[in-house]
């Protein structure tokens, strides 16, 4: 969806944002959006790492059970 916007579309969006929010508020809004994106990425990374750790633990437990069963 966003890949179809192009350069003219982005320029139009920036001009509309500038008119609506004004030049003083635009840096604050950009900073807030950057912080939000940074927190979202961090949370996503933490969540995927948690799932990976759980997956490794379960694989390790399965291997241990198989080793004990075969002995």
N, C-alpha and C. Protein backbone atom coordinates (compact mmCIF):
# COMPACT_ATOMS: atom_id res chain seq x y z
N UNK A 1 0.83 -1.20 0.00
CA UNK A 1 0.00 0.00 0.00
C UNK A 1 0.87 1.26 0.00
N UNK A 2 1.81 1.36 0.93
CA UNK A 2 2.66 2.54 1.00
C UNK A 2 3.67 2.61 -0.13
N UNK A 3 3.96 1.50 -0.77
CA UNK A 3 4.94 1.52 -1.85
C UNK A 3 4.42 2.24 -3.09
N UNK A 4 3.12 2.48 -3.17
CA UNK A 4 2.53 3.15 -4.33
C UNK A 4 2.45 4.67 -4.16
N UNK A 5 2.90 5.20 -3.05
CA UNK A 5 2.78 6.65 -2.80
C UNK A 5 3.72 7.44 -3.70
N UNK A 6 5.00 7.12 -3.72
CA UNK A 6 5.96 7.82 -4.55
C UNK A 6 6.40 9.15 -3.95
N UNK A 7 7.32 9.81 -4.62
CA UNK A 7 7.89 11.07 -4.15
C UNK A 7 6.85 12.20 -4.11
N UNK A 8 6.05 12.39 -5.17
CA UNK A 8 5.06 13.47 -5.10
C UNK A 8 4.06 13.28 -3.95
N UNK A 9 3.68 12.06 -3.70
CA UNK A 9 2.75 11.79 -2.59
C UNK A 9 3.36 12.12 -1.25
N UNK A 10 4.64 11.77 -1.07
CA UNK A 10 5.32 12.09 0.19
C UNK A 10 5.45 13.59 0.39
N UNK A 11 5.78 14.30 -0.69
CA UNK A 11 5.89 15.76 -0.60
C UNK A 11 4.53 16.36 -0.22
N UNK A 12 3.46 15.88 -0.82
CA UNK A 12 2.13 16.38 -0.50
C UNK A 12 1.79 16.11 0.96
N UNK A 13 2.10 14.93 1.45
CA UNK A 13 1.83 14.60 2.85
C UNK A 13 2.62 15.51 3.79
N UNK A 14 3.89 15.76 3.47
CA UNK A 14 4.71 16.65 4.30
C UNK A 14 4.19 18.08 4.29
N UNK A 15 3.75 18.56 3.14
CA UNK A 15 3.20 19.92 3.05
C UNK A 15 1.91 20.02 3.87
N UNK A 16 1.04 19.04 3.78
CA UNK A 16 -0.20 19.04 4.56
C UNK A 16 0.11 18.99 6.05
N UNK A 17 1.07 18.16 6.46
CA UNK A 17 1.47 18.08 7.87
C UNK A 17 2.03 19.42 8.34
N UNK A 18 2.81 20.07 7.50
CA UNK A 18 3.38 21.36 7.85
C UNK A 18 2.28 22.41 8.04
N UNK A 19 1.29 22.40 7.17
CA UNK A 19 0.18 23.36 7.27
C UNK A 19 -0.65 23.08 8.53
N UNK A 20 -0.94 21.81 8.79
CA UNK A 20 -1.80 21.46 9.93
C UNK A 20 -1.09 21.71 11.26
N UNK A 21 0.15 21.24 11.41
CA UNK A 21 0.82 21.30 12.71
C UNK A 21 1.74 22.50 12.88
N UNK A 22 2.19 23.10 11.82
CA UNK A 22 3.08 24.24 11.91
C UNK A 22 4.53 23.82 12.04
N UNK A 23 5.44 24.74 11.74
CA UNK A 23 6.86 24.40 11.74
C UNK A 23 7.45 24.12 13.13
N UNK A 24 6.83 24.64 14.18
CA UNK A 24 7.37 24.44 15.53
C UNK A 24 7.00 23.07 16.08
N UNK A 25 5.83 22.56 15.74
CA UNK A 25 5.37 21.28 16.26
C UNK A 25 5.90 20.09 15.48
N UNK A 26 6.27 20.28 14.23
CA UNK A 26 6.71 19.17 13.38
C UNK A 26 7.92 18.41 13.94
N UNK A 27 8.97 19.09 14.43
CA UNK A 27 10.10 18.33 15.02
C UNK A 27 9.69 17.53 16.26
N UNK A 28 8.80 18.08 17.06
CA UNK A 28 8.32 17.36 18.25
C UNK A 28 7.55 16.11 17.86
N UNK A 29 6.72 16.22 16.84
CA UNK A 29 5.94 15.07 16.37
C UNK A 29 6.88 14.01 15.80
N UNK A 30 7.87 14.44 15.02
CA UNK A 30 8.84 13.50 14.46
C UNK A 30 9.62 12.78 15.55
N UNK A 31 10.02 13.52 16.58
CA UNK A 31 10.74 12.93 17.69
C UNK A 31 9.88 11.90 18.42
N UNK A 32 8.63 12.24 18.65
CA UNK A 32 7.71 11.33 19.34
C UNK A 32 7.48 10.07 18.51
N UNK A 33 7.33 10.23 17.20
CA UNK A 33 7.14 9.06 16.34
C UNK A 33 8.39 8.18 16.33
N UNK A 34 9.56 8.80 16.34
CA UNK A 34 10.82 8.05 16.39
C UNK A 34 10.94 7.25 17.68
N UNK A 35 10.58 7.88 18.81
CA UNK A 35 10.61 7.19 20.11
C UNK A 35 9.65 6.00 20.11
N UNK A 36 8.46 6.22 19.56
CA UNK A 36 7.45 5.16 19.51
C UNK A 36 7.95 3.99 18.67
N UNK A 37 8.51 4.28 17.51
CA UNK A 37 9.04 3.24 16.64
C UNK A 37 10.19 2.49 17.31
N UNK A 38 11.05 3.22 18.01
CA UNK A 38 12.17 2.60 18.72
C UNK A 38 11.67 1.65 19.81
N UNK A 39 10.68 2.07 20.59
CA UNK A 39 10.11 1.21 21.63
C UNK A 39 9.42 -0.01 21.03
N UNK A 40 8.73 0.18 19.91
CA UNK A 40 8.05 -0.94 19.26
C UNK A 40 9.06 -1.98 18.78
N UNK A 41 10.14 -1.52 18.15
CA UNK A 41 11.17 -2.44 17.68
C UNK A 41 11.81 -3.18 18.84
N UNK A 42 12.07 -2.46 19.94
CA UNK A 42 12.68 -3.09 21.11
C UNK A 42 11.75 -4.16 21.69
N UNK A 43 10.48 -3.84 21.81
CA UNK A 43 9.52 -4.80 22.35
C UNK A 43 9.39 -6.02 21.45
N UNK A 44 9.36 -5.80 20.15
CA UNK A 44 9.27 -6.91 19.20
C UNK A 44 10.50 -7.79 19.29
N UNK A 45 11.67 -7.18 19.39
CA UNK A 45 12.91 -7.94 19.49
C UNK A 45 12.93 -8.76 20.78
N UNK A 46 12.52 -8.15 21.89
CA UNK A 46 12.48 -8.86 23.17
C UNK A 46 11.52 -10.04 23.11
N UNK A 47 10.39 -9.83 22.48
CA UNK A 47 9.39 -10.89 22.38
C UNK A 47 9.90 -12.05 21.53
N UNK A 48 10.52 -11.75 20.40
CA UNK A 48 11.04 -12.83 19.56
C UNK A 48 12.19 -13.55 20.25
N UNK A 49 13.02 -12.82 20.99
CA UNK A 49 14.10 -13.47 21.74
C UNK A 49 13.54 -14.40 22.81
N UNK A 50 12.45 -13.98 23.45
CA UNK A 50 11.82 -14.81 24.47
C UNK A 50 11.30 -16.11 23.85
N UNK A 51 10.66 -16.02 22.70
CA UNK A 51 10.16 -17.21 22.02
C UNK A 51 11.31 -18.11 21.58
N UNK A 52 12.41 -17.52 21.10
CA UNK A 52 13.57 -18.31 20.69
C UNK A 52 14.17 -19.05 21.88
N UNK A 53 14.26 -18.37 23.03
CA UNK A 53 14.80 -19.00 24.23
C UNK A 53 13.92 -20.17 24.67
N UNK A 54 12.60 -19.97 24.64
CA UNK A 54 11.69 -21.04 25.01
C UNK A 54 11.82 -22.22 24.06
N UNK A 55 11.97 -21.94 22.77
CA UNK A 55 12.11 -22.99 21.76
C UNK A 55 13.39 -23.79 21.99
N UNK A 56 14.49 -23.08 22.30
CA UNK A 56 15.76 -23.77 22.55
C UNK A 56 15.67 -24.63 23.81
N UNK A 57 14.99 -24.14 24.84
CA UNK A 57 14.84 -24.90 26.07
C UNK A 57 14.04 -26.18 25.82
N UNK A 58 12.97 -26.06 25.04
CA UNK A 58 12.15 -27.24 24.78
C UNK A 58 12.90 -28.25 23.92
N UNK A 59 13.70 -27.78 22.96
CA UNK A 59 14.50 -28.70 22.14
C UNK A 59 15.55 -29.41 23.00
N UNK A 60 16.16 -28.66 23.91
CA UNK A 60 17.16 -29.24 24.80
C UNK A 60 16.52 -30.29 25.71
N UNK A 61 15.34 -30.00 26.23
CA UNK A 61 14.64 -30.94 27.09
C UNK A 61 14.24 -32.19 26.32
N UNK A 62 13.83 -32.03 25.08
CA UNK A 62 13.45 -33.17 24.25
C UNK A 62 14.66 -34.07 23.98
N UNK A 63 15.80 -33.45 23.68
CA UNK A 63 17.02 -34.23 23.43
C UNK A 63 17.43 -35.00 24.69
N UNK A 64 17.31 -34.37 25.86
CA UNK A 64 17.67 -35.02 27.12
C UNK A 64 16.74 -36.19 27.39
N UNK A 65 15.44 -36.00 27.13
CA UNK A 65 14.48 -37.08 27.34
C UNK A 65 14.77 -38.24 26.39
N UNK A 66 15.10 -37.95 25.14
CA UNK A 66 15.40 -39.01 24.17
C UNK A 66 16.67 -39.75 24.58
N UNK A 67 17.66 -39.03 25.07
CA UNK A 67 18.91 -39.64 25.50
C UNK A 67 18.67 -40.57 26.69
N UNK A 68 17.84 -40.13 27.65
CA UNK A 68 17.52 -40.95 28.82
C UNK A 68 16.68 -42.17 28.44
N UNK A 69 15.81 -41.99 27.49
CA UNK A 69 14.93 -43.08 27.07
C UNK A 69 15.71 -44.17 26.33
N UNK A 70 16.70 -43.75 25.53
CA UNK A 70 17.49 -44.70 24.75
C UNK A 70 18.54 -45.44 25.60
N UNK A 71 18.87 -44.91 26.75
CA UNK A 71 19.90 -45.54 27.59
C UNK A 71 19.41 -46.71 28.36
